[in-house]
Amino acid sequence: MSDFRKITDGFYASPQITVDDMAAAKSLGVTLVVNNRPDGESEDQPEGSEIEAAARATGIEYIAIPVSSAGFSQPQVDALREALAKTEGPTLGFCRSGTRSTFLWSLAQAANGREPDAIAAEASAGGYDISPIWPALEALASKSQG
């Protein structure tokens, strides 16, 4: 059962999805699925390749940008920024709970120069608290504006 949480008109975050969620994603106009969960993180999760095949069979692009417990890196932020810039419809990011996907989206938005307060308000409206990454958001936002 899908639990897509709208962060903005262009981005949804979700806990772990299954191949059966692709129809629901397609009905929302999703054109890109971003997998932020490393394969093998949990015994009950589907493999990324299964999600990728289901997404592509539905006409949805797919990219994996795994985020482990080690945290976030600039290459991950850059990869999401690039993917979001290339897609023309909404994006669905997923991980175990949707939090890592929301964090990575938030960091990408800050790197694009958006104000952290606006990003936080959007994440909060979707049910996510991004305060744990606040210092990184501010640093990225100030770097992109500077």
N, C-alpha and C. Protein backbone atom coordinates (compact mmCIF):
# COMPACT_ATOMS: atom_id res chain seq x y z
N MET A 1 0.85 -1.18 0.00
CA MET A 1 0.00 0.00 0.00
C MET A 1 0.89 1.24 0.00
N SER A 2 0.65 2.11 -0.93
CA SER A 2 1.50 3.29 -1.05
C SER A 2 1.19 4.31 0.04
N ASP A 3 2.25 4.97 0.48
CA ASP A 3 2.16 6.03 1.48
C ASP A 3 2.99 7.20 0.97
N PHE A 4 2.61 7.69 -0.23
CA PHE A 4 3.34 8.79 -0.83
C PHE A 4 2.96 10.08 -0.11
N ARG A 5 3.96 10.77 0.40
CA ARG A 5 3.73 12.01 1.14
C ARG A 5 4.19 13.19 0.29
N LYS A 6 3.25 14.06 0.00
CA LYS A 6 3.55 15.20 -0.87
C LYS A 6 4.37 16.24 -0.10
N ILE A 7 5.55 16.50 -0.61
CA ILE A 7 6.41 17.53 -0.04
C ILE A 7 6.19 18.82 -0.83
N THR A 8 6.21 18.71 -2.16
CA THR A 8 5.86 19.82 -3.05
C THR A 8 5.10 19.21 -4.22
N ASP A 9 4.66 20.06 -5.13
CA ASP A 9 4.01 19.54 -6.33
C ASP A 9 4.95 18.66 -7.15
N GLY A 10 6.24 18.86 -6.97
CA GLY A 10 7.22 18.14 -7.76
C GLY A 10 7.95 17.03 -7.04
N PHE A 11 7.66 16.82 -5.74
CA PHE A 11 8.40 15.80 -5.00
C PHE A 11 7.53 15.14 -3.94
N TYR A 12 7.54 13.81 -3.99
CA TYR A 12 6.89 12.99 -2.97
C TYR A 12 7.95 12.15 -2.29
N ALA A 13 7.79 11.91 -0.99
CA ALA A 13 8.66 11.00 -0.25
C ALA A 13 7.80 9.85 0.24
N SER A 14 8.42 8.70 0.38
CA SER A 14 7.67 7.52 0.79
C SER A 14 8.54 6.55 1.57
N PRO A 15 7.89 5.85 2.51
CA PRO A 15 8.56 4.67 3.05
C PRO A 15 8.71 3.64 1.94
N GLN A 16 9.37 2.54 2.22
CA GLN A 16 9.64 1.50 1.23
C GLN A 16 8.44 1.25 0.31
N ILE A 17 8.71 1.24 -0.98
CA ILE A 17 7.66 0.95 -1.95
C ILE A 17 7.85 -0.47 -2.48
N THR A 18 6.82 -0.95 -3.18
CA THR A 18 6.88 -2.27 -3.80
C THR A 18 6.58 -2.09 -5.29
N VAL A 19 6.72 -3.17 -6.03
CA VAL A 19 6.41 -3.11 -7.46
C VAL A 19 4.95 -2.75 -7.67
N ASP A 20 4.09 -3.12 -6.74
CA ASP A 20 2.66 -2.82 -6.86
C ASP A 20 2.34 -1.34 -6.72
N ASP A 21 3.28 -0.55 -6.23
CA ASP A 21 3.05 0.89 -6.04
C ASP A 21 3.27 1.71 -7.32
N MET A 22 3.78 1.10 -8.35
CA MET A 22 4.08 1.85 -9.57
C MET A 22 2.83 2.42 -10.22
N ALA A 23 1.72 1.70 -10.20
CA ALA A 23 0.49 2.22 -10.80
C ALA A 23 0.03 3.48 -10.07
N ALA A 24 0.13 3.46 -8.74
CA ALA A 24 -0.26 4.64 -7.95
C ALA A 24 0.67 5.81 -8.25
N ALA A 25 1.96 5.52 -8.39
CA ALA A 25 2.92 6.58 -8.72
C ALA A 25 2.59 7.17 -10.09
N LYS A 26 2.32 6.31 -11.04
CA LYS A 26 2.00 6.76 -12.40
C LYS A 26 0.74 7.64 -12.38
N SER A 27 -0.26 7.27 -11.56
CA SER A 27 -1.50 8.05 -11.50
C SER A 27 -1.29 9.45 -10.93
N LEU A 28 -0.20 9.64 -10.17
CA LEU A 28 0.14 10.96 -9.64
C LEU A 28 0.99 11.76 -10.64
N GLY A 29 1.33 11.13 -11.76
CA GLY A 29 2.15 11.80 -12.76
C GLY A 29 3.64 11.66 -12.52
N VAL A 30 4.03 10.81 -11.57
CA VAL A 30 5.45 10.63 -11.26
C VAL A 30 6.19 10.17 -12.51
N THR A 31 7.30 10.84 -12.78
CA THR A 31 8.12 10.50 -13.95
C THR A 31 9.49 9.96 -13.55
N LEU A 32 9.82 10.05 -12.26
CA LEU A 32 11.12 9.57 -11.78
C LEU A 32 10.95 8.99 -10.38
N VAL A 33 11.49 7.79 -10.17
CA VAL A 33 11.58 7.17 -8.84
C VAL A 33 13.04 7.19 -8.43
N VAL A 34 13.30 7.69 -7.22
CA VAL A 34 14.66 7.74 -6.68
C VAL A 34 14.72 6.82 -5.46
N ASN A 35 15.54 5.79 -5.57
CA ASN A 35 15.72 4.82 -4.50
C ASN A 35 16.89 5.26 -3.63
N ASN A 36 16.60 5.63 -2.39
CA ASN A 36 17.64 6.05 -1.46
C ASN A 36 17.99 4.97 -0.44
N ARG A 37 17.49 3.77 -0.67
CA ARG A 37 17.72 2.68 0.28
C ARG A 37 18.71 1.67 -0.31
N PRO A 38 19.81 1.41 0.40
CA PRO A 38 20.75 0.40 -0.10
C PRO A 38 20.11 -0.98 -0.11
N ASP A 39 20.40 -1.77 -1.13
CA ASP A 39 19.93 -3.16 -1.15
C ASP A 39 20.50 -3.89 0.06
N GLY A 40 19.71 -4.83 0.59
CA GLY A 40 20.17 -5.64 1.70
C GLY A 40 20.08 -4.98 3.06
N GLU A 41 19.48 -3.81 3.14
CA GLU A 41 19.37 -3.12 4.42
C GLU A 41 18.46 -3.89 5.38
N SER A 42 17.46 -4.55 4.82
CA SER A 42 16.51 -5.33 5.61
C SER A 42 16.10 -6.56 4.81
N GLU A 43 15.86 -7.65 5.50
CA GLU A 43 15.50 -8.89 4.81
C GLU A 43 14.16 -8.79 4.09
N ASP A 44 13.27 -7.90 4.53
CA ASP A 44 11.93 -7.84 3.96
C ASP A 44 11.78 -6.82 2.83
N GLN A 45 12.85 -6.16 2.44
CA GLN A 45 12.73 -5.16 1.38
C GLN A 45 12.94 -5.78 0.01
N PRO A 46 12.21 -5.29 -1.00
CA PRO A 46 12.47 -5.78 -2.35
C PRO A 46 13.81 -5.24 -2.86
N GLU A 47 14.42 -5.96 -3.78
CA GLU A 47 15.67 -5.51 -4.39
C GLU A 47 15.41 -4.28 -5.26
N GLY A 48 16.36 -3.40 -5.33
CA GLY A 48 16.24 -2.21 -6.16
C GLY A 48 15.96 -2.56 -7.62
N SER A 49 16.56 -3.67 -8.09
CA SER A 49 16.36 -4.06 -9.48
C SER A 49 14.90 -4.41 -9.77
N GLU A 50 14.19 -4.93 -8.78
CA GLU A 50 12.77 -5.24 -8.94
C GLU A 50 11.96 -3.95 -9.07
N ILE A 51 12.28 -2.98 -8.23
CA ILE A 51 11.59 -1.69 -8.27
C ILE A 51 11.90 -0.99 -9.60
N GLU A 52 13.17 -1.05 -10.01
CA GLU A 52 13.57 -0.43 -11.27
C GLU A 52 12.80 -1.03 -12.45
N ALA A 53 12.73 -2.35 -12.50
CA ALA A 53 12.03 -3.01 -13.60
C ALA A 53 10.55 -2.63 -13.63
N ALA A 54 9.92 -2.58 -12.46
CA ALA A 54 8.50 -2.20 -12.39
C ALA A 54 8.30 -0.75 -12.79
N ALA A 55 9.20 0.11 -12.36
CA ALA A 55 9.09 1.53 -12.72
C ALA A 55 9.21 1.69 -14.24
N ARG A 56 10.24 1.11 -14.81
CA ARG A 56 10.47 1.25 -16.25
C ARG A 56 9.34 0.63 -17.07
N ALA A 57 8.77 -0.48 -16.58
CA ALA A 57 7.64 -1.12 -17.27
C ALA A 57 6.41 -0.22 -17.27
N THR A 58 6.35 0.70 -16.29
CA THR A 58 5.23 1.63 -16.19
C THR A 58 5.53 2.94 -16.90
N GLY A 59 6.72 3.07 -17.45
CA GLY A 59 7.10 4.30 -18.14
C GLY A 59 7.68 5.36 -17.22
N ILE A 60 8.16 4.93 -16.06
CA ILE A 60 8.74 5.84 -15.08
C ILE A 60 10.25 5.61 -15.05
N GLU A 61 11.02 6.69 -15.08
CA GLU A 61 12.48 6.58 -14.96
C GLU A 61 12.84 6.19 -13.53
N TYR A 62 14.04 5.67 -13.35
CA TYR A 62 14.49 5.17 -12.04
C TYR A 62 15.97 5.50 -11.88
N ILE A 63 16.32 5.89 -10.66
CA ILE A 63 17.74 6.08 -10.32
C ILE A 63 17.92 5.65 -8.86
N ALA A 64 19.05 5.04 -8.59
CA ALA A 64 19.40 4.67 -7.22
C ALA A 64 20.48 5.61 -6.71
N ILE A 65 20.20 6.25 -5.59
CA ILE A 65 21.18 7.08 -4.89
C ILE A 65 21.13 6.60 -3.44
N PRO A 66 21.75 5.46 -3.15
CA PRO A 66 21.63 4.90 -1.81
C PRO A 66 22.30 5.77 -0.75
N VAL A 67 21.61 5.87 0.38
CA VAL A 67 22.12 6.61 1.53
C VAL A 67 22.15 5.63 2.70
N SER A 68 23.34 5.33 3.17
CA SER A 68 23.49 4.37 4.27
C SER A 68 23.51 5.11 5.61
N SER A 69 23.73 4.36 6.66
CA SER A 69 23.81 4.97 7.99
C SER A 69 25.03 5.87 8.12
N ALA A 70 25.95 5.81 7.15
CA ALA A 70 27.13 6.67 7.17
C ALA A 70 26.77 8.13 6.92
N GLY A 71 25.58 8.39 6.38
CA GLY A 71 25.13 9.76 6.18
C GLY A 71 25.21 10.20 4.73
N PHE A 72 25.15 11.50 4.56
CA PHE A 72 25.05 12.11 3.23
C PHE A 72 26.40 12.64 2.78
N SER A 73 26.60 12.64 1.46
CA SER A 73 27.82 13.19 0.89
C SER A 73 27.45 14.14 -0.25
N GLN A 74 28.36 14.99 -0.60
CA GLN A 74 28.11 15.94 -1.68
C GLN A 74 27.79 15.25 -3.01
N PRO A 75 28.47 14.13 -3.34
CA PRO A 75 28.10 13.45 -4.59
C PRO A 75 26.63 12.98 -4.61
N GLN A 76 26.11 12.58 -3.47
CA GLN A 76 24.70 12.18 -3.42
C GLN A 76 23.80 13.38 -3.66
N VAL A 77 24.11 14.50 -3.03
CA VAL A 77 23.33 15.73 -3.22
C VAL A 77 23.38 16.14 -4.69
N ASP A 78 24.57 16.12 -5.26
CA ASP A 78 24.73 16.50 -6.67
C ASP A 78 23.98 15.55 -7.60
N ALA A 79 24.00 14.25 -7.29
CA ALA A 79 23.29 13.28 -8.13
C ALA A 79 21.79 13.55 -8.11
N LEU A 80 21.25 13.88 -6.95
CA LEU A 80 19.81 14.17 -6.89
C LEU A 80 19.50 15.49 -7.59
N ARG A 81 20.33 16.50 -7.40
CA ARG A 81 20.11 17.77 -8.10
C ARG A 81 20.07 17.55 -9.61
N GLU A 82 21.01 16.78 -10.11
CA GLU A 82 21.07 16.51 -11.55
C GLU A 82 19.83 15.74 -12.01
N ALA A 83 19.43 14.74 -11.26
CA ALA A 83 18.26 13.94 -11.64
C ALA A 83 16.99 14.79 -11.63
N LEU A 84 16.84 15.63 -10.61
CA LEU A 84 15.65 16.48 -10.54
C LEU A 84 15.63 17.50 -11.67
N ALA A 85 16.79 17.99 -12.06
CA ALA A 85 16.86 18.97 -13.14
C ALA A 85 16.47 18.37 -14.49
N LYS A 86 16.67 17.07 -14.64
CA LYS A 86 16.41 16.41 -15.91
C LYS A 86 14.96 15.94 -16.06
N THR A 87 14.25 15.78 -14.96
CA THR A 87 12.90 15.22 -15.05
C THR A 87 11.87 16.33 -15.24
N GLU A 88 10.81 16.00 -15.95
CA GLU A 88 9.80 17.01 -16.24
C GLU A 88 8.53 16.84 -15.44
N GLY A 89 8.46 15.84 -14.62
CA GLY A 89 7.26 15.62 -13.81
C GLY A 89 7.65 15.41 -12.36
N PRO A 90 6.69 15.06 -11.53
CA PRO A 90 6.99 14.81 -10.13
C PRO A 90 7.95 13.63 -9.93
N THR A 91 8.68 13.71 -8.85
CA THR A 91 9.63 12.67 -8.45
C THR A 91 9.14 12.03 -7.18
N LEU A 92 9.35 10.72 -7.06
CA LEU A 92 9.05 9.98 -5.84
C LEU A 92 10.36 9.43 -5.31
N GLY A 93 10.75 9.90 -4.12
CA GLY A 93 11.93 9.37 -3.45
C GLY A 93 11.49 8.43 -2.34
N PHE A 94 12.21 7.32 -2.17
CA PHE A 94 11.84 6.41 -1.09
C PHE A 94 13.07 5.84 -0.41
N CYS A 95 12.85 5.44 0.85
CA CYS A 95 13.84 4.73 1.66
C CYS A 95 13.04 3.91 2.67
N ARG A 96 13.57 3.60 3.81
CA ARG A 96 12.82 2.79 4.78
C ARG A 96 11.60 3.54 5.28
N SER A 97 11.79 4.81 5.66
CA SER A 97 10.69 5.59 6.24
C SER A 97 10.32 6.83 5.42
N GLY A 98 11.15 7.19 4.46
CA GLY A 98 10.98 8.43 3.70
C GLY A 98 11.84 9.56 4.24
N THR A 99 12.42 9.38 5.40
CA THR A 99 13.21 10.45 6.03
C THR A 99 14.49 10.74 5.25
N ARG A 100 15.26 9.71 4.91
CA ARG A 100 16.50 9.95 4.15
C ARG A 100 16.20 10.61 2.81
N SER A 101 15.10 10.18 2.18
CA SER A 101 14.72 10.78 0.89
C SER A 101 14.39 12.26 1.07
N THR A 102 13.67 12.58 2.13
CA THR A 102 13.33 13.97 2.41
C THR A 102 14.57 14.78 2.77
N PHE A 103 15.46 14.19 3.56
CA PHE A 103 16.70 14.88 3.90
C PHE A 103 17.51 15.17 2.64
N LEU A 104 17.67 14.17 1.78
CA LEU A 104 18.47 14.38 0.57
C LEU A 104 17.83 15.42 -0.33
N TRP A 105 16.51 15.36 -0.50
CA TRP A 105 15.80 16.37 -1.29
C TRP A 105 16.04 17.75 -0.69
N SER A 106 15.97 17.86 0.64
CA SER A 106 16.17 19.14 1.32
C SER A 106 17.56 19.69 1.07
N LEU A 107 18.56 18.82 1.16
CA LEU A 107 19.94 19.25 0.91
C LEU A 107 20.11 19.71 -0.54
N ALA A 108 19.48 19.00 -1.47
CA ALA A 108 19.56 19.40 -2.88
C ALA A 108 18.89 20.75 -3.10
N GLN A 109 17.78 21.00 -2.42
CA GLN A 109 17.10 22.28 -2.54
C GLN A 109 17.96 23.41 -1.98
N ALA A 110 18.60 23.16 -0.84
CA ALA A 110 19.48 24.17 -0.25
C ALA A 110 20.67 24.44 -1.17
N ALA A 111 21.21 23.39 -1.77
CA ALA A 111 22.33 23.56 -2.70
C ALA A 111 21.91 24.36 -3.92
N ASN A 112 20.62 24.35 -4.23
CA ASN A 112 20.09 25.16 -5.34
C ASN A 112 19.78 26.59 -4.91
N GLY A 113 20.06 26.92 -3.64
CA GLY A 113 19.89 28.28 -3.17
C GLY A 113 18.56 28.59 -2.48
N ARG A 114 17.75 27.58 -2.25
CA ARG A 114 16.48 27.83 -1.56
C ARG A 114 16.72 28.08 -0.09
N GLU A 115 15.85 28.85 0.51
CA GLU A 115 15.96 29.18 1.92
C GLU A 115 15.61 27.98 2.80
N PRO A 116 16.42 27.68 3.81
CA PRO A 116 16.15 26.54 4.68
C PRO A 116 14.77 26.60 5.36
N ASP A 117 14.30 27.78 5.73
CA ASP A 117 12.99 27.86 6.38
C ASP A 117 11.88 27.40 5.44
N ALA A 118 11.95 27.76 4.19
CA ALA A 118 10.94 27.33 3.21
C ALA A 118 11.01 25.83 2.98
N ILE A 119 12.22 25.31 2.90
CA ILE A 119 12.41 23.87 2.72
C ILE A 119 11.83 23.12 3.92
N ALA A 120 12.13 23.61 5.12
CA ALA A 120 11.64 22.96 6.34
C ALA A 120 10.12 22.97 6.40
N ALA A 121 9.50 24.05 5.98
CA ALA A 121 8.04 24.14 6.00
C ALA A 121 7.43 23.11 5.05
N GLU A 122 8.02 22.95 3.89
CA GLU A 122 7.51 21.96 2.93
C GLU A 122 7.70 20.54 3.46
N ALA A 123 8.86 20.26 4.01
CA ALA A 123 9.11 18.92 4.57
C ALA A 123 8.15 18.64 5.72
N SER A 124 7.94 19.63 6.56
CA SER A 124 7.03 19.47 7.69
C SER A 124 5.60 19.20 7.24
N ALA A 125 5.17 19.87 6.19
CA ALA A 125 3.82 19.65 5.66
C ALA A 125 3.66 18.21 5.18
N GLY A 126 4.76 17.58 4.78
CA GLY A 126 4.73 16.19 4.36
C GLY A 126 4.93 15.22 5.52
N GLY A 127 5.13 15.76 6.71
CA GLY A 127 5.29 14.91 7.89
C GLY A 127 6.71 14.59 8.28
N TYR A 128 7.67 15.37 7.77
CA TYR A 128 9.07 15.09 8.06
C TYR A 128 9.74 16.28 8.76
N ASP A 129 10.55 15.98 9.77
CA ASP A 129 11.30 16.98 10.52
C ASP A 129 12.74 16.95 10.03
N ILE A 130 13.18 18.05 9.44
CA ILE A 130 14.54 18.07 8.90
C ILE A 130 15.53 18.79 9.83
N SER A 131 15.13 19.05 11.06
CA SER A 131 16.03 19.76 11.99
C SER A 131 17.37 19.04 12.21
N PRO A 132 17.45 17.70 12.12
CA PRO A 132 18.76 17.08 12.31
C PRO A 132 19.81 17.49 11.26
N ILE A 133 19.36 17.96 10.10
CA ILE A 133 20.34 18.35 9.07
C ILE A 133 20.40 19.87 8.90
N TRP A 134 19.86 20.60 9.86
CA TRP A 134 19.79 22.06 9.74
C TRP A 134 21.14 22.72 9.47
N PRO A 135 22.21 22.37 10.20
CA PRO A 135 23.50 23.02 9.91
C PRO A 135 23.96 22.80 8.46
N ALA A 136 23.75 21.59 7.93
CA ALA A 136 24.15 21.31 6.55
C ALA A 136 23.29 22.11 5.57
N LEU A 137 22.00 22.23 5.87
CA LEU A 137 21.11 23.03 5.00
C LEU A 137 21.60 24.47 4.93
N GLU A 138 21.87 25.04 6.09
CA GLU A 138 22.32 26.44 6.12
C GLU A 138 23.64 26.62 5.38
N ALA A 139 24.55 25.67 5.57
CA ALA A 139 25.84 25.76 4.90
C ALA A 139 25.69 25.69 3.38
N LEU A 140 24.87 24.74 2.91
CA LEU A 140 24.67 24.63 1.47
C LEU A 140 23.97 25.84 0.89
N ALA A 141 22.96 26.33 1.60
CA ALA A 141 22.21 27.49 1.11
C ALA A 141 23.12 28.72 1.05
N SER A 142 23.92 28.93 2.08
CA SER A 142 24.79 30.12 2.08
C SER A 142 25.90 29.98 1.04
N LYS A 143 26.37 28.78 0.82
CA LYS A 143 27.41 28.55 -0.20
C LYS A 143 26.87 28.85 -1.60
N SER A 144 25.63 28.44 -1.85
CA SER A 144 25.07 28.64 -3.18
C SER A 144 24.67 30.11 -3.42
N GLN A 145 24.42 30.82 -2.33
CA GLN A 145 24.04 32.24 -2.45
C GLN A 145 25.25 33.15 -2.44
N GLY A 146 26.36 32.61 -1.93
CA GLY A 146 27.56 33.42 -1.75
C GLY A 146 28.33 33.54 -2.97
